[in-house]
PDB file of N, CA and C in Angstrom:
ATOM      1  N   MET A   1      69.184 -25.811   9.213  1.00  0.00           N
ATOM      2  CA  MET A   1      67.993 -25.468   8.474  1.00  0.00           C
ATOM      3  C   MET A   1      68.405 -24.999   7.075  1.00  0.00           C
ATOM      4  N   SER A   2      67.969 -25.718   6.061  1.00  0.00           N
ATOM      5  CA  SER A   2      68.368 -25.377   4.693  1.00  0.00           C
ATOM      6  C   SER A   2      67.373 -24.398   4.066  1.00  0.00           C
ATOM      7  N   GLN A   3      67.918 -23.541   3.232  1.00  0.00           N
ATOM      8  CA  GLN A   3      67.092 -22.566   2.521  1.00  0.00           C
ATOM      9  C   GLN A   3      66.506 -23.226   1.266  1.00  0.00           C
ATOM     10  N   PRO A   4      65.233 -22.975   0.964  1.00  0.00           N
ATOM     11  CA  PRO A   4      64.675 -23.543  -0.268  1.00  0.00           C
ATOM     12  C   PRO A   4      65.287 -22.853  -1.493  1.00  0.00           C
ATOM     13  N   ASP A   5      65.531 -23.633  -2.523  1.00  0.00           N
ATOM     14  CA  ASP A   5      66.109 -23.096  -3.754  1.00  0.00           C
ATOM     15  C   ASP A   5      64.996 -22.450  -4.568  1.00  0.00           C
ATOM     16  N   LEU A   6      65.146 -21.173  -4.849  1.00  0.00           N
ATOM     17  CA  LEU A   6      64.111 -20.411  -5.545  1.00  0.00           C
ATOM     18  C   LEU A   6      63.893 -20.937  -6.960  1.00  0.00           C
ATOM     19  N   ARG A   7      64.956 -21.357  -7.625  1.00  0.00           N
ATOM     20  CA  ARG A   7      64.816 -21.881  -8.994  1.00  0.00           C
ATOM     21  C   ARG A   7      63.945 -23.128  -9.011  1.00  0.00           C
ATOM     22  N   ASN A   8      64.163 -24.010  -8.058  1.00  0.00           N
ATOM     23  CA  ASN A   8      63.362 -25.234  -7.995  1.00  0.00           C
ATOM     24  C   ASN A   8      61.907 -24.913  -7.671  1.00  0.00           C
ATOM     25  N   GLU A   9      61.693 -23.961  -6.789  1.00  0.00           N
ATOM     26  CA  GLU A   9      60.333 -23.579  -6.417  1.00  0.00           C
ATOM     27  C   GLU A   9      59.583 -23.012  -7.621  1.00  0.00           C
ATOM     28  N   LEU A  10      60.256 -22.153  -8.394  1.00  0.00           N
ATOM     29  CA  LEU A  10      59.608 -21.560  -9.555  1.00  0.00           C
ATOM     30  C   LEU A  10      59.398 -22.586 -10.662  1.00  0.00           C
ATOM     31  N   ALA A  11      60.305 -23.531 -10.805  1.00  0.00           N
ATOM     32  CA  ALA A  11      60.181 -24.541 -11.844  1.00  0.00           C
ATOM     33  C   ALA A  11      59.025 -25.496 -11.570  1.00  0.00           C
ATOM     34  N   THR A  12      58.753 -25.754 -10.309  1.00  0.00           N
ATOM     35  CA  THR A  12      57.693 -26.704  -9.968  1.00  0.00           C
ATOM     36  C   THR A  12      56.355 -26.029  -9.683  1.00  0.00           C
ATOM     37  N   ALA A  13      56.311 -24.703  -9.712  1.00  0.00           N
ATOM     38  CA  ALA A  13      55.063 -23.989  -9.428  1.00  0.00           C
ATOM     39  C   ALA A  13      54.094 -24.133 -10.592  1.00  0.00           C
ATOM     40  N   GLU A  14      52.800 -24.193 -10.261  1.00  0.00           N
ATOM     41  CA  GLU A  14      51.771 -24.281 -11.286  1.00  0.00           C
ATOM     42  C   GLU A  14      51.559 -22.914 -11.920  1.00  0.00           C
ATOM     43  N   VAL A  15      51.199 -22.930 -13.192  1.00  0.00           N
ATOM     44  CA  VAL A  15      50.878 -21.686 -13.887  1.00  0.00           C
ATOM     45  C   VAL A  15      49.415 -21.360 -13.590  1.00  0.00           C
ATOM     46  N   GLU A  16      49.192 -20.178 -13.058  1.00  0.00           N
ATOM     47  CA  GLU A  16      47.833 -19.769 -12.721  1.00  0.00           C
ATOM     48  C   GLU A  16      47.316 -18.803 -13.780  1.00  0.00           C
ATOM     49  N   PRO A  17      46.136 -19.054 -14.329  1.00  0.00           N
ATOM     50  CA  PRO A  17      45.590 -18.138 -15.327  1.00  0.00           C
ATOM     51  C   PRO A  17      45.166 -16.824 -14.678  1.00  0.00           C
ATOM     52  N   LEU A  18      45.129 -15.774 -15.501  1.00  0.00           N
ATOM     53  CA  LEU A  18      44.698 -14.479 -14.995  1.00  0.00           C
ATOM     54  C   LEU A  18      43.198 -14.504 -14.715  1.00  0.00           C
ATOM     55  N   LEU A  19      42.810 -13.814 -13.667  1.00  0.00           N
ATOM     56  CA  LEU A  19      41.396 -13.665 -13.364  1.00  0.00           C
ATOM     57  C   LEU A  19      40.784 -12.648 -14.324  1.00  0.00           C
ATOM     58  N   PRO A  20      39.475 -12.723 -14.559  1.00  0.00           N
ATOM     59  CA  PRO A  20      38.842 -11.755 -15.460  1.00  0.00           C
ATOM     60  C   PRO A  20      39.060 -10.299 -15.035  1.00  0.00           C
ATOM     61  N   ILE A  21      39.036 -10.016 -13.748  1.00  0.00           N
ATOM     62  CA  ILE A  21      39.242  -8.646 -13.286  1.00  0.00           C
ATOM     63  C   ILE A  21      40.672  -8.198 -13.560  1.00  0.00           C
ATOM     64  N   GLU A  22      41.632  -9.126 -13.485  1.00  0.00           N
ATOM     65  CA  GLU A  22      43.015  -8.774 -13.796  1.00  0.00           C
ATOM     66  C   GLU A  22      43.167  -8.442 -15.278  1.00  0.00           C
ATOM     67  N   LYS A  23      42.471  -9.186 -16.141  1.00  0.00           N
ATOM     68  CA  LYS A  23      42.506  -8.899 -17.571  1.00  0.00           C
ATOM     69  C   LYS A  23      41.909  -7.527 -17.856  1.00  0.00           C
ATOM     70  N   LYS A  24      40.811  -7.192 -17.169  1.00  0.00           N
ATOM     71  CA  LYS A  24      40.192  -5.876 -17.355  1.00  0.00           C
ATOM     72  C   LYS A  24      41.126  -4.765 -16.898  1.00  0.00           C
ATOM     73  N   LEU A  25      41.785  -4.953 -15.766  1.00  0.00           N
ATOM     74  CA  LEU A  25      42.706  -3.933 -15.260  1.00  0.00           C
ATOM     75  C   LEU A  25      43.886  -3.729 -16.207  1.00  0.00           C
ATOM     76  N   ILE A  26      44.407  -4.812 -16.766  1.00  0.00           N
ATOM     77  CA  ILE A  26      45.507  -4.701 -17.724  1.00  0.00           C
ATOM     78  C   ILE A  26      45.045  -3.950 -18.967  1.00  0.00           C
ATOM     79  N   GLY A  27      43.866  -4.288 -19.458  1.00  0.00           N
ATOM     80  CA  GLY A  27      43.325  -3.616 -20.636  1.00  0.00           C
ATOM     81  C   GLY A  27      43.085  -2.134 -20.403  1.00  0.00           C
ATOM     82  N   TRP A  28      42.476  -1.796 -19.267  1.00  0.00           N
ATOM     83  CA  TRP A  28      42.227  -0.387 -18.949  1.00  0.00           C
ATOM     84  C   TRP A  28      43.531   0.381 -18.785  1.00  0.00           C
ATOM     85  N   SER A  29      44.513  -0.217 -18.152  1.00  0.00           N
ATOM     86  CA  SER A  29      45.796   0.453 -17.946  1.00  0.00           C
ATOM     87  C   SER A  29      46.497   0.722 -19.276  1.00  0.00           C
ATOM     88  N   LEU A  30      46.520  -0.281 -20.150  1.00  0.00           N
ATOM     89  CA  LEU A  30      47.144  -0.091 -21.457  1.00  0.00           C
ATOM     90  C   LEU A  30      46.381   0.939 -22.278  1.00  0.00           C
ATOM     91  N   GLY A  31      45.057   0.859 -22.259  1.00  0.00           N
ATOM     92  CA  GLY A  31      44.241   1.803 -23.003  1.00  0.00           C
ATOM     93  C   GLY A  31      44.438   3.228 -22.522  1.00  0.00           C
ATOM     94  N   LEU A  32      44.427   3.416 -21.227  1.00  0.00           N
ATOM     95  CA  LEU A  32      44.618   4.751 -20.653  1.00  0.00           C
ATOM     96  C   LEU A  32      46.003   5.290 -20.985  1.00  0.00           C
ATOM     97  N   GLY A  33      47.015   4.444 -20.917  1.00  0.00           N
ATOM     98  CA  GLY A  33      48.371   4.872 -21.242  1.00  0.00           C
ATOM     99  C   GLY A  33      48.491   5.302 -22.697  1.00  0.00           C
ATOM    100  N   ILE A  34      47.881   4.545 -23.600  1.00  0.00           N
ATOM    101  CA  ILE A  34      47.949   4.893 -25.023  1.00  0.00           C
ATOM    102  C   ILE A  34      47.188   6.188 -25.298  1.00  0.00           C
ATOM    103  N   VAL A  35      46.006   6.335 -24.699  1.00  0.00           N
ATOM    104  CA  VAL A  35      45.218   7.557 -24.897  1.00  0.00           C
ATOM    105  C   VAL A  35      45.976   8.769 -24.374  1.00  0.00           C
ATOM    106  N   LEU A  36      46.562   8.681 -23.200  1.00  0.00           N
ATOM    107  CA  LEU A  36      47.311   9.807 -22.650  1.00  0.00           C
ATOM    108  C   LEU A  36      48.544  10.126 -23.493  1.00  0.00           C
ATOM    109  N   LEU A  37      49.192   9.100 -24.025  1.00  0.00           N
ATOM    110  CA  LEU A  37      50.343   9.324 -24.891  1.00  0.00           C
ATOM    111  C   LEU A  37      49.936  10.062 -26.160  1.00  0.00           C
ATOM    112  N   VAL A  38      48.804   9.682 -26.752  1.00  0.00           N
ATOM    113  CA  VAL A  38      48.311  10.359 -27.952  1.00  0.00           C
ATOM    114  C   VAL A  38      47.957  11.810 -27.633  1.00  0.00           C
ATOM    115  N   ILE A  39      47.340  12.053 -26.477  1.00  0.00           N
ATOM    116  CA  ILE A  39      47.007  13.424 -26.082  1.00  0.00           C
ATOM    117  C   ILE A  39      48.272  14.257 -25.915  1.00  0.00           C
ATOM    118  N   LEU A  40      49.275  13.710 -25.276  1.00  0.00           N
ATOM    119  CA  LEU A  40      50.526  14.450 -25.091  1.00  0.00           C
ATOM    120  C   LEU A  40      51.232  14.720 -26.413  1.00  0.00           C
ATOM    121  N   ILE A  41      51.208  13.759 -27.320  1.00  0.00           N
ATOM    122  CA  ILE A  41      51.818  13.974 -28.638  1.00  0.00           C
ATOM    123  C   ILE A  41      51.067  15.062 -29.390  1.00  0.00           C
ATOM    124  N   GLY A  42      49.729  15.028 -29.348  1.00  0.00           N
ATOM    125  CA  GLY A  42      48.935  16.060 -30.009  1.00  0.00           C
ATOM    126  C   GLY A  42      49.160  17.428 -29.399  1.00  0.00           C
ATOM    127  N   LEU A  43      49.232  17.495 -28.097  1.00  0.00           N
ATOM    128  CA  LEU A  43      49.479  18.767 -27.412  1.00  0.00           C
ATOM    129  C   LEU A  43      50.853  19.319 -27.783  1.00  0.00           C
ATOM    130  N   ASN A  44      51.843  18.461 -27.848  1.00  0.00           N
ATOM    131  CA  ASN A  44      53.182  18.891 -28.228  1.00  0.00           C
ATOM    132  C   ASN A  44      53.222  19.344 -29.694  1.00  0.00           C
ATOM    133  N   HIS A  45      52.414  18.734 -30.541  1.00  0.00           N
ATOM    134  CA  HIS A  45      52.376  19.115 -31.946  1.00  0.00           C
ATOM    135  C   HIS A  45      51.767  20.503 -32.140  1.00  0.00           C
ATOM    136  N   PHE A  46      50.693  20.790 -31.404  1.00  0.00           N
ATOM    137  CA  PHE A  46      49.994  22.065 -31.571  1.00  0.00           C
ATOM    138  C   PHE A  46      50.572  23.181 -30.720  1.00  0.00           C
ATOM    139  N   VAL A  47      51.192  22.850 -29.598  1.00  0.00           N
ATOM    140  CA  VAL A  47      51.807  23.851 -28.718  1.00  0.00           C
ATOM    141  C   VAL A  47      53.225  23.382 -28.400  1.00  0.00           C
ATOM    142  N   PRO A  48      54.152  23.558 -29.343  1.00  0.00           N
ATOM    143  CA  PRO A  48      55.516  23.086 -29.093  1.00  0.00           C
ATOM    144  C   PRO A  48      56.208  23.918 -28.012  1.00  0.00           C
ATOM    145  N   ILE A  49      57.122  23.277 -27.328  1.00  0.00           N
ATOM    146  CA  ILE A  49      57.872  23.958 -26.265  1.00  0.00           C
ATOM    147  C   ILE A  49      59.032  24.716 -26.901  1.00  0.00           C
ATOM    148  N   LYS A  50      59.129  25.991 -26.613  1.00  0.00           N
ATOM    149  CA  LYS A  50      60.228  26.817 -27.123  1.00  0.00           C
ATOM    150  C   LYS A  50      61.290  26.948 -26.025  1.00  0.00           C
ATOM    151  N   ILE A  51      62.471  26.500 -26.339  1.00  0.00           N
ATOM    152  CA  ILE A  51      63.564  26.595 -25.360  1.00  0.00           C
ATOM    153  C   ILE A  51      64.517  27.697 -25.764  1.00  0.00           C
TER     154      ILE A  51
END
């Protein structure tokens, strides 16, 4: 019993477009990450950590 070659399988696979819900999830995730990063940067600017 031979094992299928993963490279050949990936090379011959069809490209599937993203579903609309997947695009929304990607957008929300990126947006939330950027907003939280800005909040953390602002918090660090106004209340710096003293070591």
